[in-house]
C-alpha atoms as a PDB file:
ATOM      1  CA  MET A   1       0.000   0.000   0.000  1.00  0.00           C
ATOM      2  CA  ALA A   2       1.446   3.374  -0.982  1.00  0.00           C
ATOM      3  CA  MET A   3       1.395   6.178   1.576  1.00  0.00           C
ATOM      4  CA  ASP A   4      -0.381   9.382   0.565  1.00  0.00           C
ATOM      5  CA  LEU A   5       2.107  12.022   1.695  1.00  0.00           C
ATOM      6  CA  THR A   6      -0.233  14.895   0.892  1.00  0.00           C
ATOM      7  CA  LEU A   7      -2.504  14.489   3.913  1.00  0.00           C
ATOM      8  CA  PRO A   8      -1.191  15.571   7.310  1.00  0.00           C
ATOM      9  CA  PRO A   9      -2.400  13.822  10.453  1.00  0.00           C
ATOM     10  CA  THR A  10      -5.409  15.260  12.271  1.00  0.00           C
ATOM     11  CA  VAL A  11      -6.050  15.644  15.981  1.00  0.00           C
ATOM     12  CA  THR A  12      -9.458  15.064  17.564  1.00  0.00           C
ATOM     13  CA  PRO A  13     -11.058  17.673  19.824  1.00  0.00           C
ATOM     14  CA  ARG A  14     -10.918  15.082  22.641  1.00  0.00           C
ATOM     15  CA  ALA A  15      -7.110  14.908  22.340  1.00  0.00           C
ATOM     16  CA  PHE A  16      -6.790  18.707  22.425  1.00  0.00           C
ATOM     17  CA  GLU A  17      -9.135  18.817  25.447  1.00  0.00           C
ATOM     18  CA  ARG A  18      -6.949  16.322  27.311  1.00  0.00           C
ATOM     19  CA  LEU A  19      -3.853  18.418  26.541  1.00  0.00           C
ATOM     20  CA  ALA A  20      -5.674  21.444  27.966  1.00  0.00           C
ATOM     21  CA  GLU A  21      -6.509  19.452  31.129  1.00  0.00           C
ATOM     22  CA  ILE A  22      -2.834  18.563  31.481  1.00  0.00           C
ATOM     23  CA  GLY A  23      -1.926  22.232  30.955  1.00  0.00           C
ATOM     24  CA  ALA A  24       0.648  21.452  28.270  1.00  0.00           C
ATOM     25  CA  ALA A  25       0.605  24.949  26.717  1.00  0.00           C
ATOM     26  CA  GLU A  26       0.994  26.548  30.148  1.00  0.00           C
ATOM     27  CA  GLN A  27       4.186  24.505  30.546  1.00  0.00           C
ATOM     28  CA  GLY A  28       5.423  25.607  27.095  1.00  0.00           C
ATOM     29  CA  LYS A  29       4.995  22.057  25.850  1.00  0.00           C
ATOM     30  CA  ALA A  30       3.208  20.330  22.996  1.00  0.00           C
ATOM     31  CA  LEU A  31       2.286  16.696  22.467  1.00  0.00           C
ATOM     32  CA  ARG A  32       5.052  15.262  20.291  1.00  0.00           C
ATOM     33  CA  VAL A  33       4.062  12.275  18.170  1.00  0.00           C
ATOM     34  CA  ALA A  34       7.008  10.545  16.521  1.00  0.00           C
ATOM     35  CA  VAL A  35       7.698   7.261  14.771  1.00  0.00           C
ATOM     36  CA  GLU A  36      10.851   5.300  15.576  1.00  0.00           C
ATOM     37  CA  GLY A  37      12.281   2.015  14.401  1.00  0.00           C
ATOM     38  CA  GLY A  38      11.743  -0.833  16.833  1.00  0.00           C
ATOM     39  CA  GLY A  39       8.902  -2.451  18.668  1.00  0.00           C
ATOM     40  CA  CYS A  40       7.568  -5.896  17.930  1.00  0.00           C
ATOM     41  CA  SER A  41       6.198  -4.917  14.496  1.00  0.00           C
ATOM     42  CA  GLY A  42       9.056  -2.831  13.045  1.00  0.00           C
ATOM     43  CA  PHE A  43       8.015   0.700  14.023  1.00  0.00           C
ATOM     44  CA  GLN A  44       6.738   2.209  17.234  1.00  0.00           C
ATOM     45  CA  TYR A  45       5.111   5.460  18.288  1.00  0.00           C
ATOM     46  CA  ASP A  46       6.849   7.763  20.726  1.00  0.00           C
ATOM     47  CA  ILE A  47       4.361  10.106  22.375  1.00  0.00           C
ATOM     48  CA  ALA A  48       5.590  12.670  24.905  1.00  0.00           C
ATOM     49  CA  LEU A  49       5.236  16.253  26.040  1.00  0.00           C
ATOM     50  CA  ASP A  50       8.033  18.252  24.431  1.00  0.00           C
ATOM     51  CA  ALA A  51       8.848  21.743  23.201  1.00  0.00           C
ATOM     52  CA  PRO A  52       8.177  22.348  19.478  1.00  0.00           C
ATOM     53  CA  ASN A  53      11.268  22.445  17.225  1.00  0.00           C
ATOM     54  CA  ASP A  54      11.955  24.267  13.982  1.00  0.00           C
ATOM     55  CA  GLY A  55      10.748  22.131  11.080  1.00  0.00           C
ATOM     56  CA  ASP A  56       7.984  20.410  13.067  1.00  0.00           C
ATOM     57  CA  LEU A  57       4.475  20.249  11.665  1.00  0.00           C
ATOM     58  CA  VAL A  58       2.363  22.054  14.279  1.00  0.00           C
ATOM     59  CA  LEU A  59      -1.318  21.152  14.645  1.00  0.00           C
ATOM     60  CA  GLU A  60      -3.268  23.534  16.884  1.00  0.00           C
ATOM     61  CA  GLY A  61      -6.612  23.427  18.658  1.00  0.00           C
ATOM     62  CA  ALA A  62      -8.148  24.568  21.955  1.00  0.00           C
ATOM     63  CA  GLY A  63      -5.020  26.644  22.623  1.00  0.00           C
ATOM     64  CA  GLU A  64      -2.881  23.490  22.539  1.00  0.00           C
ATOM     65  CA  LYS A  65      -0.349  22.063  20.070  1.00  0.00           C
ATOM     66  CA  VAL A  66       0.530  18.657  18.686  1.00  0.00           C
ATOM     67  CA  VAL A  67       3.830  18.446  16.810  1.00  0.00           C
ATOM     68  CA  VAL A  68       5.241  15.908  14.360  1.00  0.00           C
ATOM     69  CA  ASP A  69       8.854  15.933  13.158  1.00  0.00           C
ATOM     70  CA  GLU A  70       9.671  15.838   9.450  1.00  0.00           C
ATOM     71  CA  MET A  71      11.034  12.268   9.555  1.00  0.00           C
ATOM     72  CA  SER A  72       7.859  10.886  11.172  1.00  0.00           C
ATOM     73  CA  LEU A  73       5.422  12.799   8.982  1.00  0.00           C
ATOM     74  CA  PRO A  74       5.286  10.306   6.054  1.00  0.00           C
ATOM     75  CA  PHE A  75       4.451   7.469   8.471  1.00  0.00           C
ATOM     76  CA  LEU A  76       1.620   9.516   9.999  1.00  0.00           C
ATOM     77  CA  SER A  77       0.056  10.774   6.769  1.00  0.00           C
ATOM     78  CA  ASN A  78      -3.749  10.866   7.169  1.00  0.00           C
ATOM     79  CA  ALA A  79      -3.533   9.396  10.698  1.00  0.00           C
ATOM     80  CA  VAL A  80      -5.874  10.474  13.491  1.00  0.00           C
ATOM     81  CA  ILE A  81      -4.435  11.326  16.901  1.00  0.00           C
ATOM     82  CA  ASP A  82      -7.032  10.797  19.633  1.00  0.00           C
ATOM     83  CA  PHE A  83      -7.349  10.321  23.387  1.00  0.00           C
ATOM     84  CA  SER A  84      -8.986   7.164  24.702  1.00  0.00           C
ATOM     85  CA  GLU A  85     -10.285   6.337  28.180  1.00  0.00           C
ATOM     86  CA  GLU A  86     -10.902   2.647  28.776  1.00  0.00           C
ATOM     87  CA  LEU A  87     -11.104   0.338  31.761  1.00  0.00           C
ATOM     88  CA  ILE A  88      -7.423  -0.541  31.340  1.00  0.00           C
ATOM     89  CA  GLY A  89      -6.373   3.115  31.375  1.00  0.00           C
ATOM     90  CA  ALA A  90      -6.330   6.376  29.482  1.00  0.00           C
ATOM     91  CA  ARG A  91      -3.862   7.224  26.716  1.00  0.00           C
ATOM     92  CA  PHE A  92      -3.282   9.035  23.466  1.00  0.00           C
ATOM     93  CA  VAL A  93      -3.902   6.686  20.536  1.00  0.00           C
ATOM     94  CA  ILE A  94      -3.128   6.845  16.839  1.00  0.00           C
ATOM     95  CA  GLU A  95      -5.419   5.480  14.152  1.00  0.00           C
ATOM     96  CA  ASN A  96      -2.993   5.040  11.272  1.00  0.00           C
ATOM     97  CA  PRO A  97      -4.324   4.005   7.849  1.00  0.00           C
ATOM     98  CA  ASN A  98      -0.737   3.375   6.695  1.00  0.00           C
ATOM     99  CA  ALA A  99      -0.184   0.566   9.207  1.00  0.00           C
ATOM    100  CA  THR A 100      -0.620  -2.875   7.661  1.00  0.00           C
ATOM    101  CA  ALA A 101      -0.290  -4.676  11.004  1.00  0.00           C
ATOM    102  CA  SER A 102      -0.094  -3.670  14.637  1.00  0.00           C
ATOM    103  CA  CYS A 103       0.791  -5.246  17.926  1.00  0.00           C
ATOM    104  CA  GLY A 104      -1.460  -5.774  20.914  1.00  0.00           C
ATOM    105  CA  CYS A 105       0.468  -3.111  22.825  1.00  0.00           C
ATOM    106  CA  GLY A 106      -0.991  -0.427  20.547  1.00  0.00           C
ATOM    107  CA  THR A 107       2.332   1.362  20.090  1.00  0.00           C
ATOM    108  CA  SER A 108       4.009  -0.914  17.545  1.00  0.00           C
ATOM    109  CA  PHE A 109       3.078  -1.266  13.860  1.00  0.00           C
ATOM    110  CA  SER A 110       4.363  -2.222  10.431  1.00  0.00           C
ATOM    111  CA  ILE A 111       3.944  -0.649   7.006  1.00  0.00           C
END
């Protein structure tokens, strides 16, 4: 499956609301979503609060920011960044149409 590099990822209002609850912007931080090699399926997501860098794609909503570095952007094309609350816990999740397989941990995938 070819990746469509023309569509940036999107962030749900629920994810921006959670960032506002955390007070990320007040701390000068954004939610950084990156893709790294590794994990049980070949790639894994790295999600952390971090300061935006030059060259990052910045997605804004509710006074908050989500940033993606240039190297990770092709892997996250057309992905949806959301926040999920389940019985097992609450976390930021990524629905990635580019992933051909994923692991049960929810942070590892292959393309």
